[in-house]
Amino acid sequence: KEYFLNLVTTLSVLHIQILKFMAH
């Protein structure tokens, strides 16, 4: 949980968008 939370802070919106698009 801590690792993933830190990644939400670190990663850009673009990273999250790419991953969400690819996952679902």
PDB file of all heavy atoms in Angstrom:
ATOM      1  N   LYS A   1       0.830  -1.207   0.000  1.00  0.00           N
ATOM      2  CA  LYS A   1       0.000   0.000   0.000  1.00  0.00           C
ATOM      3  C   LYS A   1       0.863   1.256   0.000  1.00  0.00           C
ATOM      4  O   LYS A   1       0.624   2.195  -0.755  1.00  0.00           O
ATOM      5  CB  LYS A   1      -0.936   0.012   1.207  1.00  0.00           C
ATOM      6  CG  LYS A   1      -2.030  -1.020   1.152  1.00  0.00           C
ATOM      7  CD  LYS A   1      -2.838  -0.999   2.436  1.00  0.00           C
ATOM      8  CE  LYS A   1      -3.806  -2.153   2.497  1.00  0.00           C
ATOM      9  NZ  LYS A   1      -4.512  -2.205   3.796  1.00  0.00           N
ATOM     10  N   GLU A   2       1.878   1.271   0.870  1.00  0.00           N
ATOM     11  CA  GLU A   2       2.755   2.438   0.939  1.00  0.00           C
ATOM     12  C   GLU A   2       3.503   2.636  -0.370  1.00  0.00           C
ATOM     13  O   GLU A   2       3.626   3.759  -0.872  1.00  0.00           O
ATOM     14  CB  GLU A   2       3.747   2.291   2.088  1.00  0.00           C
ATOM     15  CG  GLU A   2       4.655   3.490   2.240  1.00  0.00           C
ATOM     16  CD  GLU A   2       5.658   3.354   3.383  1.00  0.00           C
ATOM     17  OE1 GLU A   2       5.656   2.331   4.074  1.00  0.00           O
ATOM     18  OE2 GLU A   2       6.445   4.302   3.557  1.00  0.00           O
ATOM     19  N   TYR A   3       4.009   1.553  -0.943  1.00  0.00           N
ATOM     20  CA  TYR A   3       4.736   1.625  -2.213  1.00  0.00           C
ATOM     21  C   TYR A   3       3.843   2.189  -3.322  1.00  0.00           C
ATOM     22  O   TYR A   3       4.231   3.116  -4.037  1.00  0.00           O
ATOM     23  CB  TYR A   3       5.253   0.232  -2.584  1.00  0.00           C
ATOM     24  CG  TYR A   3       5.995   0.180  -3.904  1.00  0.00           C
ATOM     25  CD1 TYR A   3       7.229   0.800  -4.055  1.00  0.00           C
ATOM     26  CD2 TYR A   3       5.446  -0.481  -5.001  1.00  0.00           C
ATOM     27  CE1 TYR A   3       7.904   0.760  -5.268  1.00  0.00           C
ATOM     28  CE2 TYR A   3       6.128  -0.528  -6.208  1.00  0.00           C
ATOM     29  CZ  TYR A   3       7.351   0.092  -6.334  1.00  0.00           C
ATOM     30  OH  TYR A   3       8.011   0.049  -7.534  1.00  0.00           O
ATOM     31  N   PHE A   4       2.638   1.649  -3.445  1.00  0.00           N
ATOM     32  CA  PHE A   4       1.723   2.109  -4.488  1.00  0.00           C
ATOM     33  C   PHE A   4       1.280   3.553  -4.254  1.00  0.00           C
ATOM     34  O   PHE A   4       1.169   4.335  -5.205  1.00  0.00           O
ATOM     35  CB  PHE A   4       0.510   1.186  -4.591  1.00  0.00           C
ATOM     36  CG  PHE A   4       0.811  -0.177  -5.156  1.00  0.00           C
ATOM     37  CD1 PHE A   4       0.004  -1.259  -4.852  1.00  0.00           C
ATOM     38  CD2 PHE A   4       1.886  -0.410  -5.998  1.00  0.00           C
ATOM     39  CE1 PHE A   4       0.251  -2.523  -5.379  1.00  0.00           C
ATOM     40  CE2 PHE A   4       2.166  -1.651  -6.528  1.00  0.00           C
ATOM     41  CZ  PHE A   4       1.333  -2.720  -6.211  1.00  0.00           C
ATOM     42  N   LEU A   5       1.053   3.916  -3.004  1.00  0.00           N
ATOM     43  CA  LEU A   5       0.676   5.296  -2.698  1.00  0.00           C
ATOM     44  C   LEU A   5       1.789   6.256  -3.104  1.00  0.00           C
ATOM     45  O   LEU A   5       1.534   7.302  -3.709  1.00  0.00           O
ATOM     46  CB  LEU A   5       0.356   5.448  -1.208  1.00  0.00           C
ATOM     47  CG  LEU A   5       0.070   6.861  -0.711  1.00  0.00           C
ATOM     48  CD1 LEU A   5      -1.050   7.531  -1.478  1.00  0.00           C
ATOM     49  CD2 LEU A   5      -0.245   6.829   0.779  1.00  0.00           C
ATOM     50  N   ASN A   6       3.025   5.898  -2.799  1.00  0.00           N
ATOM     51  CA  ASN A   6       4.147   6.744  -3.207  1.00  0.00           C
ATOM     52  C   ASN A   6       4.236   6.851  -4.721  1.00  0.00           C
ATOM     53  O   ASN A   6       4.598   7.903  -5.251  1.00  0.00           O
ATOM     54  CB  ASN A   6       5.459   6.221  -2.621  1.00  0.00           C
ATOM     55  CG  ASN A   6       5.572   6.515  -1.141  1.00  0.00           C
ATOM     56  OD1 ASN A   6       4.988   7.466  -0.637  1.00  0.00           O
ATOM     57  ND2 ASN A   6       6.300   5.679  -0.432  1.00  0.00           N
ATOM     58  N   LEU A   7       3.911   5.772  -5.425  1.00  0.00           N
ATOM     59  CA  LEU A   7       3.936   5.823  -6.886  1.00  0.00           C
ATOM     60  C   LEU A   7       2.849   6.733  -7.447  1.00  0.00           C
ATOM     61  O   LEU A   7       3.060   7.399  -8.460  1.00  0.00           O
ATOM     62  CB  LEU A   7       3.816   4.423  -7.483  1.00  0.00           C
ATOM     63  CG  LEU A   7       5.096   3.603  -7.426  1.00  0.00           C
ATOM     64  CD1 LEU A   7       4.849   2.196  -7.939  1.00  0.00           C
ATOM     65  CD2 LEU A   7       6.217   4.271  -8.213  1.00  0.00           C
ATOM     66  N   VAL A   8       1.687   6.784  -6.815  1.00  0.00           N
ATOM     67  CA  VAL A   8       0.643   7.712  -7.281  1.00  0.00           C
ATOM     68  C   VAL A   8       1.161   9.142  -7.196  1.00  0.00           C
ATOM     69  O   VAL A   8       0.915   9.956  -8.079  1.00  0.00           O
ATOM     70  CB  VAL A   8      -0.668   7.550  -6.474  1.00  0.00           C
ATOM     71  CG1 VAL A   8      -1.657   8.655  -6.813  1.00  0.00           C
ATOM     72  CG2 VAL A   8      -1.292   6.191  -6.739  1.00  0.00           C
ATOM     73  N   THR A   9       1.907   9.435  -6.151  1.00  0.00           N
ATOM     74  CA  THR A   9       2.489  10.766  -5.994  1.00  0.00           C
ATOM     75  C   THR A   9       3.573  11.016  -7.029  1.00  0.00           C
ATOM     76  O   THR A   9       3.665  12.098  -7.603  1.00  0.00           O
ATOM     77  CB  THR A   9       3.065  10.920  -4.566  1.00  0.00           C
ATOM     78  OG1 THR A   9       2.020  10.656  -3.636  1.00  0.00           O
ATOM     79  CG2 THR A   9       3.607  12.304  -4.335  1.00  0.00           C
ATOM     80  N   THR A  10       4.385   9.993  -7.304  1.00  0.00           N
ATOM     81  CA  THR A  10       5.540  10.122  -8.193  1.00  0.00           C
ATOM     82  C   THR A  10       5.174  10.102  -9.672  1.00  0.00           C
ATOM     83  O   THR A  10       5.677  10.907 -10.454  1.00  0.00           O
ATOM     84  CB  THR A  10       6.542   8.977  -7.920  1.00  0.00           C
ATOM     85  OG1 THR A  10       6.909   9.013  -6.552  1.00  0.00           O
ATOM     86  CG2 THR A  10       7.770   9.098  -8.788  1.00  0.00           C
ATOM     87  N   LEU A  11       4.331   9.162 -10.051  1.00  0.00           N
ATOM     88  CA  LEU A  11       3.979   9.015 -11.466  1.00  0.00           C
ATOM     89  C   LEU A  11       3.131  10.192 -11.940  1.00  0.00           C
ATOM     90  O   LEU A  11       2.429  10.826 -11.149  1.00  0.00           O
ATOM     91  CB  LEU A  11       3.215   7.707 -11.694  1.00  0.00           C
ATOM     92  CG  LEU A  11       3.990   6.421 -11.443  1.00  0.00           C
ATOM     93  CD1 LEU A  11       3.061   5.209 -11.585  1.00  0.00           C
ATOM     94  CD2 LEU A  11       5.176   6.290 -12.378  1.00  0.00           C
ATOM     95  N   SER A  12       3.180  10.435 -13.231  1.00  0.00           N
ATOM     96  CA  SER A  12       2.357  11.501 -13.805  1.00  0.00           C
ATOM     97  C   SER A  12       0.954  10.970 -14.106  1.00  0.00           C
ATOM     98  O   SER A  12       0.720   9.759 -14.103  1.00  0.00           O
ATOM     99  CB  SER A  12       3.000  12.002 -15.101  1.00  0.00           C
ATOM    100  OG  SER A  12       2.918  10.995 -16.101  1.00  0.00           O
ATOM    101  N   VAL A  13       0.066  11.886 -14.382  1.00  0.00           N
ATOM    102  CA  VAL A  13      -1.284  11.507 -14.812  1.00  0.00           C
ATOM    103  C   VAL A  13      -1.194  10.651 -16.069  1.00  0.00           C
ATOM    104  O   VAL A  13      -1.931   9.674 -16.229  1.00  0.00           O
ATOM    105  CB  VAL A  13      -2.150  12.769 -15.047  1.00  0.00           C
ATOM    106  CG1 VAL A  13      -3.441  12.428 -15.764  1.00  0.00           C
ATOM    107  CG2 VAL A  13      -2.425  13.469 -13.722  1.00  0.00           C
ATOM    108  N   LEU A  14      -0.272  10.983 -16.952  1.00  0.00           N
ATOM    109  CA  LEU A  14      -0.098  10.222 -18.190  1.00  0.00           C
ATOM    110  C   LEU A  14       0.214   8.758 -17.896  1.00  0.00           C
ATOM    111  O   LEU A  14      -0.355   7.858 -18.517  1.00  0.00           O
ATOM    112  CB  LEU A  14       1.002  10.839 -19.056  1.00  0.00           C
ATOM    113  CG  LEU A  14       1.339  10.111 -20.352  1.00  0.00           C
ATOM    114  CD1 LEU A  14       0.115  10.025 -21.267  1.00  0.00           C
ATOM    115  CD2 LEU A  14       2.490  10.806 -21.060  1.00  0.00           C
ATOM    116  N   HIS A  15       1.099   8.490 -16.953  1.00  0.00           N
ATOM    117  CA  HIS A  15       1.414   7.109 -16.582  1.00  0.00           C
ATOM    118  C   HIS A  15       0.151   6.363 -16.153  1.00  0.00           C
ATOM    119  O   HIS A  15      -0.098   5.235 -16.570  1.00  0.00           O
ATOM    120  CB  HIS A  15       2.413   7.064 -15.416  1.00  0.00           C
ATOM    121  CG  HIS A  15       3.788   7.482 -15.768  1.00  0.00           C
ATOM    122  ND1 HIS A  15       4.288   8.718 -15.420  1.00  0.00           N
ATOM    123  CD2 HIS A  15       4.790   6.835 -16.409  1.00  0.00           C
ATOM    124  CE1 HIS A  15       5.539   8.810 -15.836  1.00  0.00           C
ATOM    125  NE2 HIS A  15       5.869   7.678 -16.445  1.00  0.00           N
ATOM    126  N   ILE A  16      -0.638   7.005 -15.299  1.00  0.00           N
ATOM    127  CA  ILE A  16      -1.849   6.372 -14.774  1.00  0.00           C
ATOM    128  C   ILE A  16      -2.861   6.156 -15.894  1.00  0.00           C
ATOM    129  O   ILE A  16      -3.502   5.108 -15.975  1.00  0.00           O
ATOM    130  CB  ILE A  16      -2.435   7.204 -13.611  1.00  0.00           C
ATOM    131  CG1 ILE A  16      -1.420   7.242 -12.450  1.00  0.00           C
ATOM    132  CG2 ILE A  16      -3.769   6.639 -13.145  1.00  0.00           C
ATOM    133  CD1 ILE A  16      -1.746   8.236 -11.351  1.00  0.00           C
ATOM    134  N   GLN A  17      -2.983   7.137 -16.803  1.00  0.00           N
ATOM    135  CA  GLN A  17      -3.905   6.989 -17.938  1.00  0.00           C
ATOM    136  C   GLN A  17      -3.500   5.812 -18.824  1.00  0.00           C
ATOM    137  O   GLN A  17      -4.353   5.023 -19.230  1.00  0.00           O
ATOM    138  CB  GLN A  17      -3.931   8.263 -18.778  1.00  0.00           C
ATOM    139  CG  GLN A  17      -4.655   9.405 -18.135  1.00  0.00           C
ATOM    140  CD  GLN A  17      -4.529  10.672 -18.968  1.00  0.00           C
ATOM    141  OE1 GLN A  17      -3.436  11.036 -19.410  1.00  0.00           O
ATOM    142  NE2 GLN A  17      -5.653  11.332 -19.180  1.00  0.00           N
ATOM    143  N   ILE A  18      -2.229   5.704 -19.135  1.00  0.00           N
ATOM    144  CA  ILE A  18      -1.751   4.605 -19.983  1.00  0.00           C
ATOM    145  C   ILE A  18      -2.075   3.272 -19.327  1.00  0.00           C
ATOM    146  O   ILE A  18      -2.608   2.359 -19.965  1.00  0.00           O
ATOM    147  CB  ILE A  18      -0.231   4.724 -20.250  1.00  0.00           C
ATOM    148  CG1 ILE A  18       0.065   5.912 -21.168  1.00  0.00           C
ATOM    149  CG2 ILE A  18       0.318   3.432 -20.857  1.00  0.00           C
ATOM    150  CD1 ILE A  18       1.545   6.258 -21.295  1.00  0.00           C
ATOM    151  N   LEU A  19      -1.780   3.163 -18.056  1.00  0.00           N
ATOM    152  CA  LEU A  19      -2.000   1.902 -17.358  1.00  0.00           C
ATOM    153  C   LEU A  19      -3.487   1.571 -17.250  1.00  0.00           C
ATOM    154  O   LEU A  19      -3.889   0.422 -17.457  1.00  0.00           O
ATOM    155  CB  LEU A  19      -1.349   1.957 -15.976  1.00  0.00           C
ATOM    156  CG  LEU A  19      -1.118   0.630 -15.285  1.00  0.00           C
ATOM    157  CD1 LEU A  19      -0.332  -0.338 -16.160  1.00  0.00           C
ATOM    158  CD2 LEU A  19      -0.389   0.840 -13.972  1.00  0.00           C
ATOM    159  N   LYS A  20      -4.314   2.568 -16.964  1.00  0.00           N
ATOM    160  CA  LYS A  20      -5.763   2.324 -16.897  1.00  0.00           C
ATOM    161  C   LYS A  20      -6.307   1.899 -18.263  1.00  0.00           C
ATOM    162  O   LYS A  20      -7.131   1.004 -18.352  1.00  0.00           O
ATOM    163  CB  LYS A  20      -6.506   3.568 -16.391  1.00  0.00           C
ATOM    164  CG  LYS A  20      -6.413   3.743 -14.910  1.00  0.00           C
ATOM    165  CD  LYS A  20      -7.310   4.860 -14.413  1.00  0.00           C
ATOM    166  CE  LYS A  20      -7.283   4.881 -12.895  1.00  0.00           C
ATOM    167  NZ  LYS A  20      -8.314   5.721 -12.323  1.00  0.00           N
ATOM    168  N   PHE A  21      -5.841   2.557 -19.310  1.00  0.00           N
ATOM    169  CA  PHE A  21      -6.275   2.205 -20.662  1.00  0.00           C
ATOM    170  C   PHE A  21      -5.882   0.769 -20.990  1.00  0.00           C
ATOM    171  O   PHE A  21      -6.681  -0.005 -21.496  1.00  0.00           O
ATOM    172  CB  PHE A  21      -5.689   3.172 -21.687  1.00  0.00           C
ATOM    173  CG  PHE A  21      -5.925   2.786 -23.122  1.00  0.00           C
ATOM    174  CD1 PHE A  21      -7.207   2.577 -23.604  1.00  0.00           C
ATOM    175  CD2 PHE A  21      -4.862   2.647 -23.997  1.00  0.00           C
ATOM    176  CE1 PHE A  21      -7.420   2.216 -24.933  1.00  0.00           C
ATOM    177  CE2 PHE A  21      -5.061   2.296 -25.323  1.00  0.00           C
ATOM    178  CZ  PHE A  21      -6.355   2.079 -25.784  1.00  0.00           C
ATOM    179  N   MET A  22      -4.656   0.408 -20.669  1.00  0.00           N
ATOM    180  CA  MET A  22      -4.185  -0.927 -21.001  1.00  0.00           C
ATOM    181  C   MET A  22      -4.842  -2.011 -20.140  1.00  0.00           C
ATOM    182  O   MET A  22      -5.093  -3.107 -20.608  1.00  0.00           O
ATOM    183  CB  MET A  22      -2.668  -0.994 -20.873  1.00  0.00           C
ATOM    184  CG  MET A  22      -1.981  -0.149 -21.940  1.00  0.00           C
ATOM    185  SD  MET A  22      -0.210  -0.300 -21.895  1.00  0.00           S
ATOM    186  CE  MET A  22      -0.006  -1.999 -22.419  1.00  0.00           C
ATOM    187  N   ALA A  23      -5.121  -1.705 -18.886  1.00  0.00           N
ATOM    188  CA  ALA A  23      -5.718  -2.695 -17.982  1.00  0.00           C
ATOM    189  C   ALA A  23      -7.205  -2.906 -18.258  1.00  0.00           C
ATOM    190  O   ALA A  23      -7.693  -4.030 -18.203  1.00  0.00           O
ATOM    191  CB  ALA A  23      -5.511  -2.270 -16.530  1.00  0.00           C
ATOM    192  N   HIS A  24      -7.910  -1.819 -18.541  1.00  0.00           N
ATOM    193  CA  HIS A  24      -9.361  -1.885 -18.756  1.00  0.00           C
ATOM    194  C   HIS A  24      -9.745  -0.983 -19.929  1.00  0.00           C
ATOM    195  O   HIS A  24     -10.362   0.068 -19.746  1.00  0.00           O
ATOM    196  CB  HIS A  24     -10.103  -1.442 -17.492  1.00  0.00           C
ATOM    197  CG  HIS A  24      -9.721  -2.201 -16.266  1.00  0.00           C
ATOM    198  ND1 HIS A  24     -10.043  -3.523 -16.080  1.00  0.00           N
ATOM    199  CD2 HIS A  24      -9.014  -1.832 -15.165  1.00  0.00           C
ATOM    200  CE1 HIS A  24      -9.573  -3.933 -14.924  1.00  0.00           C
ATOM    201  NE2 HIS A  24      -8.936  -2.923 -14.351  1.00  0.00           N
TER     202      HIS A  24
END
